[in-house]
Amino acid sequence: MGQTHDEPTGSSGSLKLEEPATLAGPWVIATAQGDCPVVLTTRRIESANAWAVEDSTNCLAGIVPDTIGWRPTPDGIALAVADRRTVALFARGADGWSATLPGGAATLRRG
């Protein structure tokens, strides 16, 4: 006999966790104060349970202090500090990646 109720078949409906290699590369964090270019690397920082963020202009410290790494999450891209805490989450939405940071709204885009 066929399916007797309206449950989805196949997928469980969970969000996909992106591989770090697909997200690695140059990105720009845009805030009301301006743009902050960063590079999400695939260099692992085990102590932070994250991958390293490169910030050649030192602008990230003014946006999200003490950030040393990033990690993919089912909802988006998290920024992490040395003690493994997530200090910002850029959630993926219809209009791209966005977060509410201490200084206000921010977006993340490939740079």
C-alpha atoms as a PDB file:
ATOM      1  CA  MET A   1       0.000   0.000   0.000  1.00  0.00           C
ATOM      2  CA  GLY A   2       1.101   3.639  -0.432  1.00  0.00           C
ATOM      3  CA  GLN A   3       1.986   6.319   2.067  1.00  0.00           C
ATOM      4  CA  THR A   4      -0.923   7.033   4.400  1.00  0.00           C
ATOM      5  CA  HIS A   5       0.111  10.398   5.856  1.00  0.00           C
ATOM      6  CA  ASP A   6       1.754  13.608   4.710  1.00  0.00           C
ATOM      7  CA  GLU A   7       5.331  13.087   5.894  1.00  0.00           C
ATOM      8  CA  PRO A   8       8.150  14.045   3.573  1.00  0.00           C
ATOM      9  CA  THR A   9      10.023  11.212   1.964  1.00  0.00           C
ATOM     10  CA  GLY A  10      13.780  11.190   1.554  1.00  0.00           C
ATOM     11  CA  SER A  11      15.176  14.313   3.237  1.00  0.00           C
ATOM     12  CA  SER A  12      14.799  14.892   6.940  1.00  0.00           C
ATOM     13  CA  GLY A  13      14.532  18.625   6.300  1.00  0.00           C
ATOM     14  CA  SER A  14      17.745  19.453   8.157  1.00  0.00           C
ATOM     15  CA  LEU A  15      19.980  22.288   7.012  1.00  0.00           C
ATOM     16  CA  LYS A  16      23.164  21.464   5.123  1.00  0.00           C
ATOM     17  CA  LEU A  17      26.501  22.079   6.854  1.00  0.00           C
ATOM     18  CA  GLU A  18      28.861  23.608   4.298  1.00  0.00           C
ATOM     19  CA  GLU A  19      32.378  22.234   4.002  1.00  0.00           C
ATOM     20  CA  PRO A  20      35.057  24.723   5.119  1.00  0.00           C
ATOM     21  CA  ALA A  21      36.775  24.493   1.723  1.00  0.00           C
ATOM     22  CA  THR A  22      33.632  25.760  -0.035  1.00  0.00           C
ATOM     23  CA  LEU A  23      33.441  28.816   2.240  1.00  0.00           C
ATOM     24  CA  ALA A  24      37.169  29.583   2.454  1.00  0.00           C
ATOM     25  CA  GLY A  25      38.507  32.629   0.647  1.00  0.00           C
ATOM     26  CA  PRO A  26      38.120  36.402   0.686  1.00  0.00           C
ATOM     27  CA  TRP A  27      34.997  37.901   2.285  1.00  0.00           C
ATOM     28  CA  VAL A  28      33.872  41.402   3.274  1.00  0.00           C
ATOM     29  CA  ILE A  29      32.029  42.257   6.473  1.00  0.00           C
ATOM     30  CA  ALA A  30      29.987  45.380   5.800  1.00  0.00           C
ATOM     31  CA  THR A  31      28.789  47.572   8.667  1.00  0.00           C
ATOM     32  CA  ALA A  32      27.576  51.153   9.026  1.00  0.00           C
ATOM     33  CA  GLN A  33      31.206  52.058   9.822  1.00  0.00           C
ATOM     34  CA  GLY A  34      32.459  50.617   6.521  1.00  0.00           C
ATOM     35  CA  ASP A  35      33.798  47.463   4.929  1.00  0.00           C
ATOM     36  CA  CYS A  36      36.210  45.040   6.600  1.00  0.00           C
ATOM     37  CA  PRO A  37      37.970  42.601   4.236  1.00  0.00           C
ATOM     38  CA  VAL A  38      38.849  39.243   5.796  1.00  0.00           C
ATOM     39  CA  VAL A  39      39.995  35.844   4.555  1.00  0.00           C
ATOM     40  CA  LEU A  40      38.364  32.693   5.873  1.00  0.00           C
ATOM     41  CA  THR A  41      41.136  30.105   5.722  1.00  0.00           C
ATOM     42  CA  THR A  42      41.249  26.324   5.977  1.00  0.00           C
ATOM     43  CA  ARG A  43      44.056  26.518   8.552  1.00  0.00           C
ATOM     44  CA  ARG A  44      42.683  24.686  11.569  1.00  0.00           C
ATOM     45  CA  ILE A  45      42.916  26.096  15.110  1.00  0.00           C
ATOM     46  CA  GLU A  46      42.107  23.032  17.204  1.00  0.00           C
ATOM     47  CA  SER A  47      42.136  24.921  20.523  1.00  0.00           C
ATOM     48  CA  ALA A  48      39.339  27.178  19.241  1.00  0.00           C
ATOM     49  CA  ASN A  49      37.512  24.434  17.319  1.00  0.00           C
ATOM     50  CA  ALA A  50      37.628  26.728  14.299  1.00  0.00           C
ATOM     51  CA  TRP A  51      39.490  27.697  11.147  1.00  0.00           C
ATOM     52  CA  ALA A  52      41.655  30.818  11.134  1.00  0.00           C
ATOM     53  CA  VAL A  53      40.436  34.231  10.018  1.00  0.00           C
ATOM     54  CA  GLU A  54      43.020  36.505   8.428  1.00  0.00           C
ATOM     55  CA  ASP A  55      42.471  40.216   8.984  1.00  0.00           C
ATOM     56  CA  SER A  56      45.295  42.087   7.241  1.00  0.00           C
ATOM     57  CA  THR A  57      43.769  45.530   7.922  1.00  0.00           C
ATOM     58  CA  ASN A  58      43.038  44.831  11.628  1.00  0.00           C
ATOM     59  CA  CYS A  59      39.474  46.050  11.180  1.00  0.00           C
ATOM     60  CA  LEU A  60      37.856  42.902  12.620  1.00  0.00           C
ATOM     61  CA  ALA A  61      38.942  43.805  16.170  1.00  0.00           C
ATOM     62  CA  GLY A  62      36.766  46.912  15.971  1.00  0.00           C
ATOM     63  CA  ILE A  63      33.749  44.937  14.810  1.00  0.00           C
ATOM     64  CA  VAL A  64      33.990  41.681  16.779  1.00  0.00           C
ATOM     65  CA  PRO A  65      36.869  41.890  19.284  1.00  0.00           C
ATOM     66  CA  ASP A  66      39.086  38.852  19.934  1.00  0.00           C
ATOM     67  CA  THR A  67      37.874  36.899  16.906  1.00  0.00           C
ATOM     68  CA  ILE A  68      40.501  34.395  15.789  1.00  0.00           C
ATOM     69  CA  GLY A  69      38.497  31.877  13.807  1.00  0.00           C
ATOM     70  CA  TRP A  70      35.355  30.875  11.996  1.00  0.00           C
ATOM     71  CA  ARG A  71      33.324  27.731  11.543  1.00  0.00           C
ATOM     72  CA  PRO A  72      30.432  26.663   9.343  1.00  0.00           C
ATOM     73  CA  THR A  73      27.148  26.020  11.121  1.00  0.00           C
ATOM     74  CA  PRO A  74      23.858  24.662   9.800  1.00  0.00           C
ATOM     75  CA  ASP A  75      22.511  28.238   9.938  1.00  0.00           C
ATOM     76  CA  GLY A  76      25.501  30.080   8.466  1.00  0.00           C
ATOM     77  CA  ILE A  77      29.022  31.147   9.404  1.00  0.00           C
ATOM     78  CA  ALA A  78      30.068  31.629  13.033  1.00  0.00           C
ATOM     79  CA  LEU A  79      32.984  33.748  14.250  1.00  0.00           C
ATOM     80  CA  ALA A  80      34.833  32.295  17.238  1.00  0.00           C
ATOM     81  CA  VAL A  81      37.236  33.404  19.949  1.00  0.00           C
ATOM     82  CA  ALA A  82      40.123  31.446  21.489  1.00  0.00           C
ATOM     83  CA  ASP A  83      37.995  29.778  24.175  1.00  0.00           C
ATOM     84  CA  ARG A  84      35.702  28.259  21.496  1.00  0.00           C
ATOM     85  CA  ARG A  85      32.797  30.638  22.071  1.00  0.00           C
ATOM     86  CA  THR A  86      30.799  31.853  19.096  1.00  0.00           C
ATOM     87  CA  VAL A  87      30.775  35.658  19.191  1.00  0.00           C
ATOM     88  CA  ALA A  88      28.823  36.294  15.992  1.00  0.00           C
ATOM     89  CA  LEU A  89      26.670  34.255  13.644  1.00  0.00           C
ATOM     90  CA  PHE A  90      26.134  35.370  10.079  1.00  0.00           C
ATOM     91  CA  ALA A  91      22.899  33.603   9.203  1.00  0.00           C
ATOM     92  CA  ARG A  92      22.146  32.725   5.619  1.00  0.00           C
ATOM     93  CA  GLY A  93      18.951  34.311   4.391  1.00  0.00           C
ATOM     94  CA  ALA A  94      17.246  35.235   1.151  1.00  0.00           C
ATOM     95  CA  ASP A  95      19.373  38.387   0.892  1.00  0.00           C
ATOM     96  CA  GLY A  96      22.705  36.781   1.793  1.00  0.00           C
ATOM     97  CA  TRP A  97      24.501  36.502   5.131  1.00  0.00           C
ATOM     98  CA  SER A  98      23.598  38.849   7.995  1.00  0.00           C
ATOM     99  CA  ALA A  99      24.242  39.301  11.717  1.00  0.00           C
ATOM    100  CA  THR A 100      23.427  41.686  14.507  1.00  0.00           C
ATOM    101  CA  LEU A 101      26.701  42.709  16.139  1.00  0.00           C
ATOM    102  CA  PRO A 102      27.345  44.947  19.169  1.00  0.00           C
ATOM    103  CA  GLY A 103      27.762  47.928  16.803  1.00  0.00           C
ATOM    104  CA  GLY A 104      24.632  47.169  14.773  1.00  0.00           C
ATOM    105  CA  ALA A 105      23.672  45.212  11.697  1.00  0.00           C
ATOM    106  CA  ALA A 106      26.315  43.640   9.466  1.00  0.00           C
ATOM    107  CA  THR A 107      26.353  41.661   6.252  1.00  0.00           C
ATOM    108  CA  LEU A 108      28.886  39.197   4.921  1.00  0.00           C
ATOM    109  CA  ARG A 109      29.625  38.843   1.228  1.00  0.00           C
ATOM    110  CA  ARG A 110      32.264  37.181  -0.879  1.00  0.00           C
ATOM    111  CA  GLY A 111      35.065  39.611  -1.618  1.00  0.00           C
END
